[in-house]
Amino acid sequence: MTDNQWEVFSYEAVITAAVLYFLAMLAYFFELAVLRTATKESELATVGATAGGVSGAPAAGEPPAPTRRGVVAGRLGLVLTIFAVVIHFVALVARGLAADPNRVPWGNMYEFTISGTFVVALIFVLATTRIDIEWLGPLVTTFVVAALMAAFLGLDDTVLPLPDALNSPWLVIHVVAAVISTGAFTIGALLSALYLVKSRSDAPTGYLARVPDLKVLDRLSYRMHAFGFPVWTFAVLITGPIWAHQAWGAYWNWDPKEVWAFITWVVYAAYLHARATAGWRGRNAAILALVGAATLWFNFIGINFFSSSSQHSYAESVAPEMSVVVGLPGPVEAAQEVGVVVGADHPRA
């Protein structure tokens, strides 16, 4: 296959994965609809049994037993998610093979986004094999579908060779660690957000009927952050500086992305330290975790779009149908990304 065919194949695989994620999302939401209906029927049965003096009626507020349709829908959602993750991985491999020479698939914001969403979905699927976390499926699939749509519609860029500063084995190690920790932190943020929502609701109906109690949510969120933090430390404080020294001649350059990555590290370090020493659990810990997620995603997206001085910029705007090398004088030249606006010869045109 030619490079252009690999690129087209990657786009088709991304679209296929997005469709599967969307179908999985629908299956999960159908499961929730069935659960909501069963909850209402259970409440009516409880009221009727209590009024009639029937013993053995289900307790008020007790989650109803899962119905066959709900179980099938939930399993279908998980199976579709697994297939989507496999095809998503194929799309990433094809994207790397579309470059000449072949490279890792994170040369621009589009590629970073499809790589990051893959890791989020993969961590969710792997987590379901160890702990009961399938109830997080609706949120994970919704997040992945939204992110893939944003990447495909607003961040797409043609496949280009990596600049010299990005063509390094240390970058591969650095980004792999950063993407893995970002996936873990994202799922931890979803769990923290669920904690805050559930803590303000007394009625376990609908989706909240499937969500575990607050202690379980708090513990799962902590585990995700405890897993992601050492990986993020390895990415930010070890491999990142080594790559920076190799690319730009200095371990620390006060680059906006470096600063925000360190801010993210400080927030998550404070989160873990507060839980371990000050007994910060529950609502305060969840809020601090969401603050960390906000700094993380601003670093991932915001810096690329709003900073004109970052050496990590992968989202430069350029004139229509022109290729422009965005360069700065001195050692920064090699770190700049080549921006290309999709023209008539683009595989998706």
Protein backbone atom coordinates (compact mmCIF):
# COMPACT_ATOMS: atom_id res chain seq x y z
CA MET A 1 0.00 0.00 0.00
CA THR A 2 1.12 3.55 -0.72
CA ASP A 3 1.41 6.22 1.95
CA ASN A 4 -1.75 7.88 0.63
CA GLN A 5 -3.66 4.59 0.86
CA TRP A 6 -2.46 4.07 4.43
CA GLU A 7 -3.66 7.57 5.30
CA VAL A 8 -7.09 6.95 3.76
CA PHE A 9 -7.27 3.59 5.53
CA SER A 10 -6.45 5.29 8.84
CA TYR A 11 -9.28 7.79 8.34
CA GLU A 12 -11.71 5.00 7.51
CA ALA A 13 -10.62 3.05 10.59
CA VAL A 14 -11.08 6.12 12.81
CA ILE A 15 -14.59 6.62 11.42
CA THR A 16 -15.39 2.93 11.93
CA ALA A 17 -14.11 3.06 15.51
CA ALA A 18 -16.13 6.22 16.18
CA VAL A 19 -19.29 4.51 14.84
CA LEU A 20 -18.66 1.50 17.08
CA TYR A 21 -18.08 3.75 20.09
CA PHE A 22 -21.33 5.55 19.24
CA LEU A 23 -23.24 2.25 19.00
CA ALA A 24 -21.72 1.18 22.32
CA MET A 25 -22.85 4.49 23.82
CA LEU A 26 -26.39 3.84 22.56
CA ALA A 27 -26.31 0.33 24.05
CA TYR A 28 -25.20 1.70 27.41
CA PHE A 29 -27.89 4.36 27.37
CA PHE A 30 -30.50 1.75 26.43
CA GLU A 31 -29.36 -0.22 29.44
CA LEU A 32 -29.89 2.88 31.58
CA ALA A 33 -33.37 3.38 30.12
CA VAL A 34 -34.25 -0.21 30.99
CA LEU A 35 -32.86 0.30 34.48
CA ARG A 36 -34.89 3.49 34.95
CA THR A 37 -38.06 1.67 33.89
CA ALA A 38 -37.30 -1.24 36.22
CA THR A 39 -36.64 1.20 39.07
CA LYS A 40 -40.01 2.89 38.62
CA GLU A 41 -41.79 -0.46 38.42
CA SER A 42 -39.98 -1.60 41.56
CA GLU A 43 -41.04 1.55 43.41
CA LEU A 44 -44.67 1.08 42.35
CA ALA A 45 -44.54 -2.56 43.40
CA THR A 46 -43.09 -1.56 46.78
CA VAL A 47 -45.83 1.01 47.36
CA GLY A 48 -48.53 -1.48 46.34
CA ALA A 49 -47.11 -4.27 48.48
CA THR A 50 -46.77 -1.99 51.49
CA ALA A 51 -50.35 -0.77 51.12
CA GLY A 52 -51.60 -4.35 50.81
CA GLY A 53 -49.55 -5.57 53.75
CA VAL A 54 -47.55 -8.01 51.64
CA SER A 55 -44.32 -9.17 53.28
CA GLY A 56 -41.09 -9.74 51.39
CA ALA A 57 -41.52 -6.67 49.17
CA PRO A 58 -38.35 -4.96 47.97
CA ALA A 59 -37.18 -2.19 50.25
CA ALA A 60 -37.81 1.36 49.16
CA GLY A 61 -34.85 2.85 47.34
CA GLU A 62 -33.22 -0.56 46.81
CA PRO A 63 -31.86 -0.93 43.26
CA PRO A 64 -33.96 -3.38 41.25
CA ALA A 65 -32.54 -6.62 39.97
CA PRO A 66 -31.08 -6.21 36.48
CA THR A 67 -33.42 -7.38 33.73
CA ARG A 68 -32.38 -9.62 30.85
CA ARG A 69 -32.67 -6.79 28.33
CA GLY A 70 -30.52 -4.55 30.48
CA VAL A 71 -27.83 -7.21 30.95
CA VAL A 72 -27.74 -7.93 27.21
CA ALA A 73 -27.50 -4.22 26.39
CA GLY A 74 -24.66 -3.72 28.88
CA ARG A 75 -22.71 -6.69 27.51
CA LEU A 76 -23.30 -5.51 23.96
CA GLY A 77 -21.97 -2.06 24.89
CA LEU A 78 -18.79 -3.59 26.32
CA VAL A 79 -18.28 -5.90 23.32
CA LEU A 80 -18.74 -2.98 20.91
CA THR A 81 -16.28 -0.93 22.94
CA ILE A 82 -13.70 -3.72 22.74
CA PHE A 83 -14.08 -3.99 18.97
CA ALA A 84 -13.84 -0.19 18.72
CA VAL A 85 -10.58 -0.20 20.71
CA VAL A 86 -9.10 -2.83 18.37
CA ILE A 87 -10.02 -0.87 15.23
CA HIS A 88 -8.86 2.34 16.93
CA PHE A 89 -5.45 0.73 17.39
CA VAL A 90 -5.40 -0.29 13.73
CA ALA A 91 -6.12 3.34 12.79
CA LEU A 92 -3.13 4.50 14.84
CA VAL A 93 -0.81 1.94 13.24
CA ALA A 94 -2.03 2.90 9.76
CA ARG A 95 -1.48 6.57 10.54
CA GLY A 96 2.14 5.88 11.43
CA LEU A 97 2.65 3.78 8.29
CA ALA A 98 1.25 6.62 6.18
CA ALA A 99 4.28 8.79 6.96
CA ASP A 100 7.51 8.65 5.00
CA PRO A 101 9.57 7.53 6.81
CA ASN A 102 7.24 5.58 9.10
CA ARG A 103 6.89 7.16 12.51
CA VAL A 104 4.91 7.21 15.73
CA PRO A 105 1.37 8.63 15.26
CA TRP A 106 1.64 11.83 17.27
CA GLY A 107 3.04 14.48 14.96
CA ASN A 108 0.16 16.96 15.41
CA MET A 109 -2.90 17.65 17.54
CA TYR A 110 -5.13 15.32 15.50
CA GLU A 111 -2.79 12.42 16.07
CA PHE A 112 -2.31 13.26 19.76
CA THR A 113 -6.08 13.32 20.22
CA ILE A 114 -6.81 10.00 18.55
CA SER A 115 -3.92 8.47 20.53
CA GLY A 116 -5.16 9.90 23.83
CA THR A 117 -8.75 8.75 23.31
CA PHE A 118 -7.47 5.28 22.44
CA VAL A 119 -5.65 5.05 25.76
CA VAL A 120 -8.73 6.26 27.68
CA ALA A 121 -10.87 3.55 26.08
CA LEU A 122 -8.15 0.91 26.50
CA ILE A 123 -7.71 1.64 30.21
CA PHE A 124 -11.48 1.38 30.66
CA VAL A 125 -11.61 -1.99 28.89
CA LEU A 126 -8.62 -3.36 30.84
CA ALA A 127 -10.05 -2.06 34.12
CA THR A 128 -13.29 -4.00 33.52
CA THR A 129 -11.27 -7.23 33.64
CA ARG A 130 -10.07 -6.46 37.17
CA ILE A 131 -12.83 -4.44 38.83
CA ASP A 132 -16.54 -3.87 38.29
CA ILE A 133 -16.39 -0.61 36.38
CA GLU A 134 -18.71 -1.30 33.44
CA TRP A 135 -21.13 1.31 34.76
CA LEU A 136 -18.59 3.92 33.64
CA GLY A 137 -19.17 2.86 30.03
CA PRO A 138 -21.71 5.59 29.12
CA LEU A 139 -19.36 8.38 30.24
CA VAL A 140 -16.24 6.89 28.66
CA THR A 141 -17.87 6.22 25.28
CA THR A 142 -19.51 9.65 25.24
CA PHE A 143 -16.17 11.31 25.98
CA VAL A 144 -14.36 9.30 23.29
CA VAL A 145 -17.02 9.94 20.64
CA ALA A 146 -17.01 13.69 21.36
CA ALA A 147 -13.19 13.85 21.28
CA LEU A 148 -12.95 11.89 18.02
CA MET A 149 -15.56 14.13 16.41
CA ALA A 150 -13.63 17.22 17.50
CA ALA A 151 -10.38 15.73 16.20
CA PHE A 152 -11.85 14.71 12.86
CA LEU A 153 -13.77 17.93 12.23
CA GLY A 154 -11.51 20.57 13.77
CA LEU A 155 -7.98 19.23 14.25
CA ASP A 156 -7.33 17.17 11.14
CA ASP A 157 -4.03 17.65 9.38
CA THR A 158 -2.21 15.78 6.67
CA VAL A 159 0.55 13.30 7.47
CA LEU A 160 3.98 14.94 7.55
CA PRO A 161 7.47 13.82 8.57
CA LEU A 162 8.42 14.61 12.14
CA PRO A 163 10.57 17.70 12.75
CA ASP A 164 14.09 16.94 13.98
CA ALA A 165 13.21 17.73 17.61
CA LEU A 166 10.33 15.23 17.54
CA ASN A 167 12.29 12.49 15.80
CA SER A 168 13.80 11.03 18.95
CA PRO A 169 13.37 7.77 20.89
CA TRP A 170 13.15 9.86 24.05
CA LEU A 171 10.04 11.56 22.64
CA VAL A 172 8.44 8.16 22.11
CA ILE A 173 9.06 7.19 25.74
CA HIS A 174 8.00 10.63 26.96
CA VAL A 175 4.73 10.71 25.03
CA VAL A 176 3.79 7.10 25.76
CA ALA A 177 4.11 7.79 29.49
CA ALA A 178 2.25 11.10 29.19
CA VAL A 179 -0.62 9.57 27.21
CA ILE A 180 -0.99 6.62 29.61
CA SER A 181 -1.12 8.92 32.64
CA THR A 182 -3.52 11.26 30.83
CA GLY A 183 -5.87 8.35 30.22
CA ALA A 184 -5.74 7.33 33.88
CA PHE A 185 -6.25 10.92 35.07
CA THR A 186 -9.20 11.35 32.70
CA ILE A 187 -10.98 8.29 34.04
CA GLY A 188 -10.14 9.43 37.57
CA ALA A 189 -11.72 12.80 36.77
CA LEU A 190 -14.88 11.08 35.50
CA LEU A 191 -15.06 9.14 38.76
CA SER A 192 -14.55 12.33 40.79
CA ALA A 193 -17.27 14.11 38.83
CA LEU A 194 -19.59 11.17 39.45
CA TYR A 195 -18.81 11.41 43.16
CA LEU A 196 -19.85 15.06 43.27
CA VAL A 197 -23.06 14.37 41.32
CA LYS A 198 -24.03 11.36 43.41
CA SER A 199 -23.27 13.17 46.67
CA ARG A 200 -25.98 15.71 45.81
CA SER A 201 -28.61 13.13 44.93
CA ASP A 202 -30.52 11.02 47.41
CA ALA A 203 -32.62 9.12 44.87
CA PRO A 204 -30.73 6.19 43.32
CA THR A 205 -32.65 6.23 40.04
CA GLY A 206 -31.54 6.03 36.45
CA TYR A 207 -27.81 6.04 35.93
CA LEU A 208 -27.04 6.68 39.60
CA ALA A 209 -28.75 3.38 40.41
CA ARG A 210 -25.81 1.60 38.77
CA VAL A 211 -23.09 3.77 40.25
CA PRO A 212 -21.54 2.36 43.47
CA ASP A 213 -21.72 4.22 46.75
CA LEU A 214 -19.59 7.25 47.48
CA LYS A 215 -16.85 5.35 49.30
CA VAL A 216 -16.32 3.07 46.32
CA LEU A 217 -16.22 6.01 43.90
CA ASP A 218 -13.72 7.81 46.09
CA ARG A 219 -11.52 4.73 46.36
CA LEU A 220 -11.61 4.01 42.61
CA SER A 221 -10.76 7.61 41.79
CA TYR A 222 -7.82 7.46 44.19
CA ARG A 223 -6.55 4.24 42.59
CA MET A 224 -6.67 5.75 39.10
CA HIS A 225 -4.77 8.83 40.24
CA ALA A 226 -2.30 6.74 42.24
CA PHE A 227 -1.60 4.73 39.09
CA GLY A 228 -1.31 7.77 36.81
CA PHE A 229 0.84 9.96 39.04
CA PRO A 230 4.14 8.00 38.98
CA VAL A 231 3.75 7.55 35.21
CA TRP A 232 3.18 11.31 34.85
CA THR A 233 6.21 11.94 37.06
CA PHE A 234 8.30 9.72 34.81
CA ALA A 235 7.03 11.62 31.74
CA VAL A 236 7.38 15.15 33.11
CA LEU A 237 10.41 15.03 35.39
CA ILE A 238 12.58 12.36 33.76
CA THR A 239 12.02 11.64 30.07
CA GLY A 240 10.74 15.15 29.27
CA PRO A 241 13.88 16.96 30.46
CA ILE A 242 16.12 14.38 28.76
CA TRP A 243 14.32 14.91 25.46
CA ALA A 244 14.40 18.71 25.94
CA HIS A 245 18.16 18.61 26.50
CA GLN A 246 18.63 16.48 23.41
CA ALA A 247 16.40 18.70 21.25
CA TRP A 248 17.10 22.20 22.58
CA GLY A 249 20.28 21.92 24.63
CA ALA A 250 18.71 22.57 28.04
CA TYR A 251 16.79 20.43 30.53
CA TRP A 252 14.42 23.29 31.39
CA ASN A 253 13.43 26.15 29.06
CA TRP A 254 10.47 27.74 30.89
CA ASP A 255 8.32 26.70 27.96
CA PRO A 256 4.56 27.14 28.66
CA LYS A 257 3.94 23.42 28.25
CA GLU A 258 6.76 22.57 30.63
CA VAL A 259 5.42 25.03 33.20
CA TRP A 260 1.84 23.75 32.93
CA ALA A 261 2.99 20.13 33.03
CA PHE A 262 4.78 20.92 36.30
CA ILE A 263 1.67 22.73 37.62
CA THR A 264 -0.35 19.60 36.83
CA TRP A 265 2.23 17.51 38.66
CA VAL A 266 2.01 19.80 41.72
CA VAL A 267 -1.81 19.62 41.80
CA TYR A 268 -1.88 15.84 41.64
CA ALA A 269 0.95 15.58 44.16
CA ALA A 270 -1.11 17.79 46.49
CA TYR A 271 -4.13 15.56 45.88
CA LEU A 272 -2.29 12.37 46.82
CA HIS A 273 -0.47 14.03 49.72
CA ALA A 274 -3.68 15.50 51.13
CA ARG A 275 -5.40 12.11 51.01
CA ALA A 276 -2.48 10.36 52.69
CA THR A 277 -1.69 12.88 55.44
CA ALA A 278 -4.54 15.34 55.96
CA GLY A 279 -7.34 12.85 55.46
CA TRP A 280 -8.77 14.68 52.47
CA ARG A 281 -11.37 12.35 51.09
CA GLY A 282 -14.71 12.69 49.44
CA ARG A 283 -15.81 16.07 48.15
CA ASN A 284 -12.59 18.02 48.75
CA ALA A 285 -10.48 15.34 47.11
CA ALA A 286 -12.86 15.13 44.14
CA ILE A 287 -12.71 18.90 43.58
CA LEU A 288 -8.91 18.89 43.74
CA ALA A 289 -8.80 15.99 41.27
CA LEU A 290 -10.99 17.95 38.83
CA VAL A 291 -8.69 20.97 39.21
CA GLY A 292 -5.81 18.69 38.22
CA ALA A 293 -7.77 17.44 35.21
CA ALA A 294 -8.48 21.04 34.15
CA THR A 295 -4.76 21.92 34.24
CA LEU A 296 -3.96 18.67 32.41
CA TRP A 297 -6.34 19.29 29.51
CA PHE A 298 -5.47 22.97 29.28
CA ASN A 299 -1.85 21.90 28.93
CA PHE A 300 -2.84 19.35 26.30
CA ILE A 301 -5.12 21.61 24.22
CA GLY A 302 -5.01 25.20 25.39
CA ILE A 303 -1.26 25.78 25.13
CA ASN A 304 -1.22 24.57 21.54
CA PHE A 305 -3.91 27.05 20.50
CA PHE A 306 -3.34 30.05 22.75
CA SER A 307 0.43 30.18 23.14
CA SER A 308 2.60 31.71 20.43
CA SER A 309 5.90 31.03 22.22
CA SER A 310 5.65 27.34 23.07
CA GLN A 311 8.29 25.08 21.57
CA HIS A 312 5.71 22.28 21.83
CA SER A 313 3.19 23.91 19.46
CA TYR A 314 1.35 21.47 17.19
CA ALA A 315 -1.63 23.56 16.09
CA GLU A 316 -0.30 26.51 14.18
CA SER A 317 -2.75 28.26 11.84
CA VAL A 318 -1.62 28.87 8.29
CA ALA A 319 -2.88 30.51 5.13
CA PRO A 320 -5.37 28.51 3.05
CA GLU A 321 -3.96 25.85 0.73
CA MET A 322 -0.36 26.69 1.60
CA SER A 323 2.38 24.90 3.48
CA VAL A 324 4.22 27.13 5.92
CA VAL A 325 7.10 26.19 8.16
CA VAL A 326 6.59 28.01 11.42
CA GLY A 327 10.09 28.87 12.64
CA LEU A 328 11.73 31.01 15.22
CA PRO A 329 15.37 32.06 15.30
CA GLY A 330 17.92 30.09 17.25
CA PRO A 331 17.57 26.57 18.63
CA VAL A 332 13.76 26.74 18.61
CA GLU A 333 13.59 26.15 14.84
CA ALA A 334 13.76 22.40 15.04
CA ALA A 335 10.93 22.25 17.56
CA GLN A 336 8.28 23.86 15.39
CA GLU A 337 5.57 21.89 13.70
CA VAL A 338 4.88 22.15 9.99
CA GLY A 339 1.30 23.31 9.52
CA VAL A 340 -0.66 22.30 6.41
CA VAL A 341 -4.23 23.27 5.60
CA VAL A 342 -6.19 20.55 3.86
CA GLY A 343 -6.32 21.25 0.15
CA ALA A 344 -7.75 19.52 -2.86
CA ASP A 345 -5.11 16.80 -2.78
CA HIS A 346 -5.84 15.79 0.84
CA PRO A 347 -7.07 12.19 1.22
CA ARG A 348 -10.36 13.41 2.72
CA ALA A 349 -10.95 16.12 0.08
